[in-house]
Amino acid sequence: TGRGATVSRLLPPDQAEALRALARREGATPFMVLLAAFDVLLARWSGQDDVVVGTPVAGRGRRETEGTVGFFVNTLALRADLSGNPAFAALLARVREDVLAAQAHQDVPFDRLVDALQVERSLAHTPLYQAMFSLEDALASVPALPGLEVEEVDPGQEVSETDLGLRVLARDEGLSLVLHYRPELFDAATAGRILDAYALLLGALPSGAGRPVMELPLVGEADLRRVEEWSAGPAFPDAQRDPVHRLFAAQAARTPGAAALVWRGASLTYAELD
């Protein structure tokens, strides 16, 4: 239906600065680092090593259009190749080249690209990509205007153009992570876990850029403890710790003539199956 909802998290300033330092070391921009991390997140959650993410561009690459009033925003479809489980630094290098190449052709209208590729169109989702990413780093503080008190108002987002849309907002208090999602596909708890995984991944990158992308952490300590509790199973008395074949033999001795297996009209007793 296009309905949308949001969840948000805040990355503290020290982690934001660590990501900027990582970008400088790798010869990339913060946008490229955050996008590459989003690619990893989508690949890990979807089980795919080929992902496409849409991102908006201002469409003002020429000096003649800088001062022109109007809406020139275009959309780029950025494809990421995570095959071979590369280290994050290697993936970042791929993303850097792909972003630069796409930016060099940002004047090509997105509609023309879709027509040229002749992709199958659907009213259920956008063509080429179903996830969006954007970084807004020009809104670090509310503007000060003489004689006016200015405050930022979040209008919310009751619609979602894509299945998932991640906006990263650079703020004085850190990086604000806002995930837009379609409630028909994700509930609030799932969307929250997706964003928590992204935040956890970003926290691991400054010291873990050399690790393979499929080995970077996406699950926090609390979730790991929960899985360990589930996998521990119930506690059985020592008398019930016999191997299953011995337990079956004991049952066959107790009820040799009872039906143990029934399938397609045929059956075996416990004695026969034993």
C-alpha atoms as a PDB file:
ATOM      1  CA  THR A   1       0.000   0.000   0.000  1.00  0.00           C
ATOM      2  CA  GLY A   2       2.978   2.330   0.376  1.00  0.00           C
ATOM      3  CA  ARG A   3       2.364   2.813   4.091  1.00  0.00           C
ATOM      4  CA  GLY A   4       5.521   3.482   6.048  1.00  0.00           C
ATOM      5  CA  ALA A   5       6.905   3.556   9.576  1.00  0.00           C
ATOM      6  CA  THR A   6      10.255   4.419  11.122  1.00  0.00           C
ATOM      7  CA  VAL A   7      12.667   3.344  13.826  1.00  0.00           C
ATOM      8  CA  SER A   8      15.756   5.311  14.831  1.00  0.00           C
ATOM      9  CA  ARG A   9      18.990   4.965  16.771  1.00  0.00           C
ATOM     10  CA  LEU A  10      21.777   7.401  17.674  1.00  0.00           C
ATOM     11  CA  LEU A  11      25.468   6.671  17.146  1.00  0.00           C
ATOM     12  CA  PRO A  12      27.545   8.732  19.627  1.00  0.00           C
ATOM     13  CA  PRO A  13      30.086  11.330  18.408  1.00  0.00           C
ATOM     14  CA  ASP A  14      33.144   9.187  19.198  1.00  0.00           C
ATOM     15  CA  GLN A  15      31.892   6.370  16.972  1.00  0.00           C
ATOM     16  CA  ALA A  16      31.003   8.854  14.238  1.00  0.00           C
ATOM     17  CA  GLU A  17      34.530  10.275  14.359  1.00  0.00           C
ATOM     18  CA  ALA A  18      36.021   6.763  14.262  1.00  0.00           C
ATOM     19  CA  LEU A  19      34.089   6.079  11.046  1.00  0.00           C
ATOM     20  CA  ARG A  20      35.322   9.352   9.523  1.00  0.00           C
ATOM     21  CA  ALA A  21      38.881   8.371  10.449  1.00  0.00           C
ATOM     22  CA  LEU A  22      38.362   4.979   8.784  1.00  0.00           C
ATOM     23  CA  ALA A  23      37.178   6.746   5.627  1.00  0.00           C
ATOM     24  CA  ARG A  24      40.298   8.924   5.593  1.00  0.00           C
ATOM     25  CA  ARG A  25      42.604   5.907   6.038  1.00  0.00           C
ATOM     26  CA  GLU A  26      40.960   4.053   3.162  1.00  0.00           C
ATOM     27  CA  GLY A  27      40.825   7.047   0.811  1.00  0.00           C
ATOM     28  CA  ALA A  28      37.025   7.074   0.848  1.00  0.00           C
ATOM     29  CA  THR A  29      34.248   9.348   2.074  1.00  0.00           C
ATOM     30  CA  PRO A  30      31.967   8.760   5.080  1.00  0.00           C
ATOM     31  CA  PHE A  31      29.128   8.223   2.588  1.00  0.00           C
ATOM     32  CA  MET A  32      31.042   5.352   0.994  1.00  0.00           C
ATOM     33  CA  VAL A  33      31.798   3.738   4.367  1.00  0.00           C
ATOM     34  CA  LEU A  34      28.178   3.959   5.529  1.00  0.00           C
ATOM     35  CA  LEU A  35      26.876   2.697   2.185  1.00  0.00           C
ATOM     36  CA  ALA A  36      29.301  -0.245   2.141  1.00  0.00           C
ATOM     37  CA  ALA A  37      28.150  -1.161   5.653  1.00  0.00           C
ATOM     38  CA  PHE A  38      24.520  -1.026   4.479  1.00  0.00           C
ATOM     39  CA  ASP A  39      25.456  -3.328   1.579  1.00  0.00           C
ATOM     40  CA  VAL A  40      26.934  -5.792   4.076  1.00  0.00           C
ATOM     41  CA  LEU A  41      23.811  -5.609   6.225  1.00  0.00           C
ATOM     42  CA  LEU A  42      21.499  -6.290   3.275  1.00  0.00           C
ATOM     43  CA  ALA A  43      23.707  -9.112   2.007  1.00  0.00           C
ATOM     44  CA  ARG A  44      23.826 -10.817   5.387  1.00  0.00           C
ATOM     45  CA  TRP A  45      20.077 -10.482   6.068  1.00  0.00           C
ATOM     46  CA  SER A  46      19.058 -11.548   2.554  1.00  0.00           C
ATOM     47  CA  GLY A  47      21.650 -14.261   1.951  1.00  0.00           C
ATOM     48  CA  GLN A  48      22.637 -12.612  -1.350  1.00  0.00           C
ATOM     49  CA  ASP A  49      26.080 -11.432  -2.429  1.00  0.00           C
ATOM     50  CA  ASP A  50      24.753  -9.105  -5.154  1.00  0.00           C
ATOM     51  CA  VAL A  51      22.760  -6.133  -3.871  1.00  0.00           C
ATOM     52  CA  VAL A  52      21.529  -2.903  -5.443  1.00  0.00           C
ATOM     53  CA  VAL A  53      20.810   0.222  -3.397  1.00  0.00           C
ATOM     54  CA  GLY A  54      19.268   3.447  -4.620  1.00  0.00           C
ATOM     55  CA  THR A  55      20.595   6.815  -3.503  1.00  0.00           C
ATOM     56  CA  PRO A  56      19.517  10.366  -4.354  1.00  0.00           C
ATOM     57  CA  VAL A  57      21.853  12.907  -5.959  1.00  0.00           C
ATOM     58  CA  ALA A  58      21.383  16.664  -6.086  1.00  0.00           C
ATOM     59  CA  GLY A  59      21.639  16.860  -9.875  1.00  0.00           C
ATOM     60  CA  ARG A  60      23.631  20.093  -9.661  1.00  0.00           C
ATOM     61  CA  GLY A  61      26.961  18.924 -10.993  1.00  0.00           C
ATOM     62  CA  ARG A  62      27.333  21.938 -13.265  1.00  0.00           C
ATOM     63  CA  ARG A  63      28.197  25.417 -12.076  1.00  0.00           C
ATOM     64  CA  GLU A  64      25.444  26.917 -14.258  1.00  0.00           C
ATOM     65  CA  THR A  65      22.745  25.119 -12.228  1.00  0.00           C
ATOM     66  CA  GLU A  66      24.079  25.817  -8.728  1.00  0.00           C
ATOM     67  CA  GLY A  67      22.041  28.979  -8.252  1.00  0.00           C
ATOM     68  CA  THR A  68      18.975  27.896 -10.193  1.00  0.00           C
ATOM     69  CA  VAL A  69      15.738  27.493  -8.269  1.00  0.00           C
ATOM     70  CA  GLY A  70      14.200  24.101  -8.896  1.00  0.00           C
ATOM     71  CA  PHE A  71      14.215  20.419  -8.084  1.00  0.00           C
ATOM     72  CA  PHE A  72      16.950  18.537  -9.937  1.00  0.00           C
ATOM     73  CA  VAL A  73      17.238  15.463  -7.707  1.00  0.00           C
ATOM     74  CA  ASN A  74      17.932  12.209  -9.540  1.00  0.00           C
ATOM     75  CA  THR A  75      18.373   8.652  -8.271  1.00  0.00           C
ATOM     76  CA  LEU A  76      21.388   6.402  -8.772  1.00  0.00           C
ATOM     77  CA  ALA A  77      21.228   2.604  -8.577  1.00  0.00           C
ATOM     78  CA  LEU A  78      24.466   1.448  -6.917  1.00  0.00           C
ATOM     79  CA  ARG A  79      25.270  -2.231  -7.309  1.00  0.00           C
ATOM     80  CA  ALA A  80      27.595  -3.946  -4.835  1.00  0.00           C
ATOM     81  CA  ASP A  81      29.431  -7.215  -5.410  1.00  0.00           C
ATOM     82  CA  LEU A  82      30.168  -9.096  -2.175  1.00  0.00           C
ATOM     83  CA  SER A  83      31.134 -12.375  -3.819  1.00  0.00           C
ATOM     84  CA  GLY A  84      34.165 -14.142  -2.438  1.00  0.00           C
ATOM     85  CA  ASN A  85      33.581 -12.822   1.091  1.00  0.00           C
ATOM     86  CA  PRO A  86      36.056  -9.921   0.747  1.00  0.00           C
ATOM     87  CA  ALA A  87      37.484  -7.992   3.650  1.00  0.00           C
ATOM     88  CA  PHE A  88      35.499  -4.856   4.387  1.00  0.00           C
ATOM     89  CA  ALA A  89      38.404  -2.687   3.215  1.00  0.00           C
ATOM     90  CA  ALA A  90      38.362  -4.491  -0.145  1.00  0.00           C
ATOM     91  CA  LEU A  91      34.599  -4.092  -0.422  1.00  0.00           C
ATOM     92  CA  LEU A  92      34.967  -0.406   0.409  1.00  0.00           C
ATOM     93  CA  ALA A  93      37.421  -0.037  -2.473  1.00  0.00           C
ATOM     94  CA  ARG A  94      34.852  -1.631  -4.819  1.00  0.00           C
ATOM     95  CA  VAL A  95      32.102   0.640  -3.512  1.00  0.00           C
ATOM     96  CA  ARG A  96      34.336   3.682  -3.918  1.00  0.00           C
ATOM     97  CA  GLU A  97      34.942   2.934  -7.606  1.00  0.00           C
ATOM     98  CA  ASP A  98      31.254   2.176  -8.215  1.00  0.00           C
ATOM     99  CA  VAL A  99      30.100   5.393  -6.517  1.00  0.00           C
ATOM    100  CA  LEU A 100      32.572   7.530  -8.486  1.00  0.00           C
ATOM    101  CA  ALA A 101      31.538   5.884 -11.751  1.00  0.00           C
ATOM    102  CA  ALA A 102      27.854   6.382 -10.982  1.00  0.00           C
ATOM    103  CA  GLN A 103      28.375  10.008  -9.971  1.00  0.00           C
ATOM    104  CA  ALA A 104      30.077  10.644 -13.300  1.00  0.00           C
ATOM    105  CA  HIS A 105      26.825   9.645 -15.035  1.00  0.00           C
ATOM    106  CA  GLN A 106      24.365  11.182 -12.590  1.00  0.00           C
ATOM    107  CA  ASP A 107      22.758  13.330 -15.294  1.00  0.00           C
ATOM    108  CA  VAL A 108      21.148  10.282 -16.911  1.00  0.00           C
ATOM    109  CA  PRO A 109      17.476  10.332 -15.775  1.00  0.00           C
ATOM    110  CA  PHE A 110      16.502   7.289 -13.748  1.00  0.00           C
ATOM    111  CA  ASP A 111      13.388   6.734 -15.879  1.00  0.00           C
ATOM    112  CA  ARG A 112      15.534   6.565 -19.011  1.00  0.00           C
ATOM    113  CA  LEU A 113      17.771   3.982 -17.347  1.00  0.00           C
ATOM    114  CA  VAL A 114      14.763   1.817 -16.449  1.00  0.00           C
ATOM    115  CA  ASP A 115      13.442   2.052 -20.018  1.00  0.00           C
ATOM    116  CA  ALA A 116      16.830   1.132 -21.483  1.00  0.00           C
ATOM    117  CA  LEU A 117      17.150  -1.941 -19.244  1.00  0.00           C
ATOM    118  CA  GLN A 118      13.577  -3.023 -20.041  1.00  0.00           C
ATOM    119  CA  VAL A 119      13.010  -4.386 -16.557  1.00  0.00           C
ATOM    120  CA  GLU A 120       9.641  -5.826 -15.663  1.00  0.00           C
ATOM    121  CA  ARG A 121       7.587  -3.134 -13.953  1.00  0.00           C
ATOM    122  CA  SER A 122       5.426  -3.738 -10.889  1.00  0.00           C
ATOM    123  CA  LEU A 123       3.208  -1.541  -8.771  1.00  0.00           C
ATOM    124  CA  ALA A 124       4.343  -3.506  -5.719  1.00  0.00           C
ATOM    125  CA  HIS A 125       7.910  -2.180  -5.662  1.00  0.00           C
ATOM    126  CA  THR A 126      10.335   0.195  -7.328  1.00  0.00           C
ATOM    127  CA  PRO A 127      12.374  -1.054 -10.310  1.00  0.00           C
ATOM    128  CA  LEU A 128      16.086  -1.975  -9.986  1.00  0.00           C
ATOM    129  CA  TYR A 129      16.262  -1.578  -6.201  1.00  0.00           C
ATOM    130  CA  GLN A 130      14.053  -2.009  -3.148  1.00  0.00           C
ATOM    131  CA  ALA A 131      16.318  -0.311  -0.600  1.00  0.00           C
ATOM    132  CA  MET A 132      17.390   3.334  -0.402  1.00  0.00           C
ATOM    133  CA  PHE A 133      20.316   4.995   1.375  1.00  0.00           C
ATOM    134  CA  SER A 134      21.098   8.644   1.980  1.00  0.00           C
ATOM    135  CA  LEU A 135      23.516  10.660   4.097  1.00  0.00           C
ATOM    136  CA  GLU A 136      22.523  14.164   5.128  1.00  0.00           C
ATOM    137  CA  ASP A 137      25.519  15.965   6.584  1.00  0.00           C
ATOM    138  CA  ALA A 138      24.511  19.588   6.001  1.00  0.00           C
ATOM    139  CA  LEU A 139      22.088  19.778   8.935  1.00  0.00           C
ATOM    140  CA  ALA A 140      24.504  19.671  11.837  1.00  0.00           C
ATOM    141  CA  SER A 141      22.708  22.471  13.672  1.00  0.00           C
ATOM    142  CA  VAL A 142      19.541  24.519  13.482  1.00  0.00           C
ATOM    143  CA  PRO A 143      20.164  27.869  11.748  1.00  0.00           C
ATOM    144  CA  ALA A 144      20.244  31.017  13.879  1.00  0.00           C
ATOM    145  CA  LEU A 145      18.085  33.809  12.459  1.00  0.00           C
ATOM    146  CA  PRO A 146      17.867  37.303  13.982  1.00  0.00           C
ATOM    147  CA  GLY A 147      14.669  37.831  15.939  1.00  0.00           C
ATOM    148  CA  LEU A 148      13.466  34.248  15.487  1.00  0.00           C
ATOM    149  CA  GLU A 149      13.545  31.068  17.511  1.00  0.00           C
ATOM    150  CA  VAL A 150      14.074  28.103  15.207  1.00  0.00           C
ATOM    151  CA  GLU A 151      13.588  24.465  16.083  1.00  0.00           C
ATOM    152  CA  GLU A 152      13.656  21.325  14.009  1.00  0.00           C
ATOM    153  CA  VAL A 153      10.376  19.449  13.607  1.00  0.00           C
ATOM    154  CA  ASP A 154      10.248  15.813  12.554  1.00  0.00           C
ATOM    155  CA  PRO A 155       7.255  15.436  10.232  1.00  0.00           C
ATOM    156  CA  GLY A 156       7.404  11.656  10.516  1.00  0.00           C
ATOM    157  CA  GLN A 157       6.949   9.433   7.502  1.00  0.00           C
ATOM    158  CA  GLU A 158       3.656   7.652   7.014  1.00  0.00           C
ATOM    159  CA  VAL A 159       4.633   6.463   3.535  1.00  0.00           C
ATOM    160  CA  SER A 160       7.620   4.483   2.300  1.00  0.00           C
ATOM    161  CA  GLU A 161       8.730   4.582  -1.326  1.00  0.00           C
ATOM    162  CA  THR A 162      10.862   1.459  -0.897  1.00  0.00           C
ATOM    163  CA  ASP A 163      10.802  -1.677   1.232  1.00  0.00           C
ATOM    164  CA  LEU A 164      13.653  -0.290   3.337  1.00  0.00           C
ATOM    165  CA  GLY A 165      15.154   3.185   3.407  1.00  0.00           C
ATOM    166  CA  LEU A 166      18.088   4.186   5.608  1.00  0.00           C
ATOM    167  CA  ARG A 167      18.785   7.856   6.293  1.00  0.00           C
ATOM    168  CA  VAL A 168      21.910   8.836   8.204  1.00  0.00           C
ATOM    169  CA  LEU A 169      21.787  12.364   9.602  1.00  0.00           C
ATOM    170  CA  ALA A 170      24.986  14.045  10.806  1.00  0.00           C
ATOM    171  CA  ARG A 171      24.225  15.873  14.026  1.00  0.00           C
ATOM    172  CA  ASP A 172      26.269  17.581  16.719  1.00  0.00           C
ATOM    173  CA  GLU A 173      25.249  14.784  19.093  1.00  0.00           C
ATOM    174  CA  GLY A 174      26.377  12.048  16.681  1.00  0.00           C
ATOM    175  CA  LEU A 175      24.960  10.141  13.724  1.00  0.00           C
ATOM    176  CA  SER A 176      21.206   9.699  13.723  1.00  0.00           C
ATOM    177  CA  LEU A 177      20.200   6.441  12.019  1.00  0.00           C
ATOM    178  CA  VAL A 178      16.616   6.438  10.730  1.00  0.00           C
ATOM    179  CA  LEU A 179      15.200   3.333   9.052  1.00  0.00           C
ATOM    180  CA  HIS A 180      11.989   3.660   7.028  1.00  0.00           C
ATOM    181  CA  TYR A 181      10.183   0.397   6.358  1.00  0.00           C
ATOM    182  CA  ARG A 182       6.929  -1.005   5.049  1.00  0.00           C
ATOM    183  CA  PRO A 183       4.804  -2.504   7.845  1.00  0.00           C
ATOM    184  CA  GLU A 184       3.350  -5.034   5.390  1.00  0.00           C
ATOM    185  CA  LEU A 185       6.817  -6.596   5.140  1.00  0.00           C
ATOM    186  CA  PHE A 186       8.445  -5.898   8.522  1.00  0.00           C
ATOM    187  CA  ASP A 187       7.063  -5.450  11.996  1.00  0.00           C
ATOM    188  CA  ALA A 188       8.525  -2.862  14.356  1.00  0.00           C
ATOM    189  CA  ALA A 189      10.594  -5.416  16.290  1.00  0.00           C
ATOM    190  CA  THR A 190      12.226  -6.738  13.123  1.00  0.00           C
ATOM    191  CA  ALA A 191      12.957  -3.239  11.848  1.00  0.00           C
ATOM    192  CA  GLY A 192      14.519  -2.439  15.217  1.00  0.00           C
ATOM    193  CA  ARG A 193      16.748  -5.528  15.029  1.00  0.00           C
ATOM    194  CA  ILE A 194      17.848  -4.573  11.510  1.00  0.00           C
ATOM    195  CA  LEU A 195      18.865  -1.120  12.713  1.00  0.00           C
ATOM    196  CA  ASP A 196      20.538  -2.527  15.836  1.00  0.00           C
ATOM    197  CA  ALA A 197      22.565  -4.852  13.596  1.00  0.00           C
ATOM    198  CA  TYR A 198      23.623  -1.897  11.442  1.00  0.00           C
ATOM    199  CA  ALA A 199      24.718   0.101  14.494  1.00  0.00           C
ATOM    200  CA  LEU A 200      26.653  -2.907  15.833  1.00  0.00           C
ATOM    201  CA  LEU A 201      28.314  -3.357  12.452  1.00  0.00           C
ATOM    202  CA  LEU A 202      29.361   0.299  12.303  1.00  0.00           C
ATOM    203  CA  GLY A 203      30.873   0.009  15.763  1.00  0.00           C
ATOM    204  CA  ALA A 204      33.043  -2.918  14.654  1.00  0.00           C
ATOM    205  CA  LEU A 205      34.353  -1.385  11.426  1.00  0.00           C
ATOM    206  CA  PRO A 206      37.060   1.020  12.674  1.00  0.00           C
ATOM    207  CA  SER A 207      39.066  -1.851  14.172  1.00  0.00           C
ATOM    208  CA  GLY A 208      37.738  -4.628  11.935  1.00  0.00           C
ATOM    209  CA  ALA A 209      38.066  -3.319   8.378  1.00  0.00           C
ATOM    210  CA  GLY A 210      40.435  -6.185   7.585  1.00  0.00           C
ATOM    211  CA  ARG A 211      37.895  -8.871   8.530  1.00  0.00           C
ATOM    212  CA  PRO A 212      35.804 -10.704   5.902  1.00  0.00           C
ATOM    213  CA  VAL A 213      32.382  -9.111   5.584  1.00  0.00           C
ATOM    214  CA  MET A 214      30.545 -12.347   6.402  1.00  0.00           C
ATOM    215  CA  GLU A 215      32.376 -12.556   9.739  1.00  0.00           C
ATOM    216  CA  LEU A 216      31.633  -9.048  10.999  1.00  0.00           C
ATOM    217  CA  PRO A 217      29.336  -9.001  14.054  1.00  0.00           C
ATOM    218  CA  LEU A 218      25.614  -8.402  13.590  1.00  0.00           C
ATOM    219  CA  VAL A 219      24.323  -9.837  16.870  1.00  0.00           C
ATOM    220  CA  GLY A 220      24.770  -8.215  20.283  1.00  0.00           C
ATOM    221  CA  GLU A 221      25.705  -9.875  23.559  1.00  0.00           C
ATOM    222  CA  ALA A 222      22.103 -10.003  24.801  1.00  0.00           C
ATOM    223  CA  ASP A 223      20.950 -11.875  21.698  1.00  0.00           C
ATOM    224  CA  LEU A 224      23.918 -14.246  21.881  1.00  0.00           C
ATOM    225  CA  ARG A 225      23.049 -15.104  25.481  1.00  0.00           C
ATOM    226  CA  ARG A 226      19.425 -15.716  24.459  1.00  0.00           C
ATOM    227  CA  VAL A 227      20.504 -18.138  21.720  1.00  0.00           C
ATOM    228  CA  GLU A 228      22.826 -19.934  24.140  1.00  0.00           C
ATOM    229  CA  GLU A 229      19.948 -20.334  26.592  1.00  0.00           C
ATOM    230  CA  TRP A 230      17.711 -21.727  23.852  1.00  0.00           C
ATOM    231  CA  SER A 231      20.373 -24.144  22.604  1.00  0.00           C
ATOM    232  CA  ALA A 232      21.095 -25.448  26.099  1.00  0.00           C
ATOM    233  CA  GLY A 233      17.718 -27.241  26.098  1.00  0.00           C
ATOM    234  CA  PRO A 234      15.948 -28.681  29.134  1.00  0.00           C
ATOM    235  CA  ALA A 235      17.829 -30.435  31.905  1.00  0.00           C
ATOM    236  CA  PHE A 236      17.159 -34.190  32.027  1.00  0.00           C
ATOM    237  CA  PRO A 237      17.823 -36.498  34.989  1.00  0.00           C
ATOM    238  CA  ASP A 238      20.836 -38.737  34.613  1.00  0.00           C
ATOM    239  CA  ALA A 239      18.527 -41.732  34.101  1.00  0.00           C
ATOM    240  CA  GLN A 240      17.265 -40.187  30.855  1.00  0.00           C
ATOM    241  CA  ARG A 241      20.667 -39.498  29.335  1.00  0.00           C
ATOM    242  CA  ASP A 242      20.902 -42.856  27.521  1.00  0.00           C
ATOM    243  CA  PRO A 243      21.485 -42.710  23.750  1.00  0.00           C
ATOM    244  CA  VAL A 244      18.302 -42.693  21.677  1.00  0.00           C
ATOM    245  CA  HIS A 245      18.811 -46.205  20.297  1.00  0.00           C
ATOM    246  CA  ARG A 246      18.848 -47.619  23.831  1.00  0.00           C
ATOM    247  CA  LEU A 247      15.749 -45.666  24.752  1.00  0.00           C
ATOM    248  CA  PHE A 248      14.023 -47.078  21.658  1.00  0.00           C
ATOM    249  CA  ALA A 249      15.083 -50.635  22.494  1.00  0.00           C
ATOM    250  CA  ALA A 250      13.673 -50.228  25.999  1.00  0.00           C
ATOM    251  CA  GLN A 251      10.369 -48.990  24.576  1.00  0.00           C
ATOM    252  CA  ALA A 252      10.280 -51.938  22.146  1.00  0.00           C
ATOM    253  CA  ALA A 253      10.723 -54.324  25.057  1.00  0.00           C
ATOM    254  CA  ARG A 254       7.823 -52.681  26.902  1.00  0.00           C
ATOM    255  CA  THR A 255       5.394 -52.491  23.935  1.00  0.00           C
ATOM    256  CA  PRO A 256       6.660 -54.859  21.200  1.00  0.00           C
ATOM    257  CA  GLY A 257       3.303 -55.140  19.410  1.00  0.00           C
ATOM    258  CA  ALA A 258       2.388 -51.453  19.361  1.00  0.00           C
ATOM    259  CA  ALA A 259       2.588 -49.533  16.092  1.00  0.00           C
ATOM    260  CA  ALA A 260       5.834 -47.600  15.918  1.00  0.00           C
ATOM    261  CA  LEU A 261       5.756 -46.386  12.301  1.00  0.00           C
ATOM    262  CA  VAL A 262       2.839 -45.762   9.966  1.00  0.00           C
ATOM    263  CA  TRP A 263       3.371 -44.549   6.403  1.00  0.00           C
ATOM    264  CA  ARG A 264       1.239 -44.797   3.241  1.00  0.00           C
ATOM    265  CA  GLY A 265      -0.987 -47.490   4.671  1.00  0.00           C
ATOM    266  CA  ALA A 266       1.880 -49.695   5.895  1.00  0.00           C
ATOM    267  CA  SER A 267       2.967 -50.020   9.518  1.00  0.00           C
ATOM    268  CA  LEU A 268       5.730 -51.519  11.623  1.00  0.00           C
ATOM    269  CA  THR A 269       5.535 -52.550  15.257  1.00  0.00           C
ATOM    270  CA  TYR A 270       8.161 -51.528  17.779  1.00  0.00           C
ATOM    271  CA  ALA A 271       9.593 -55.056  17.699  1.00  0.00           C
ATOM    272  CA  GLU A 272       9.811 -55.071  13.885  1.00  0.00           C
ATOM    273  CA  LEU A 273      11.367 -51.626  13.701  1.00  0.00           C
ATOM    274  CA  ASP A 274      13.813 -52.450  16.480  1.00  0.00           C
END
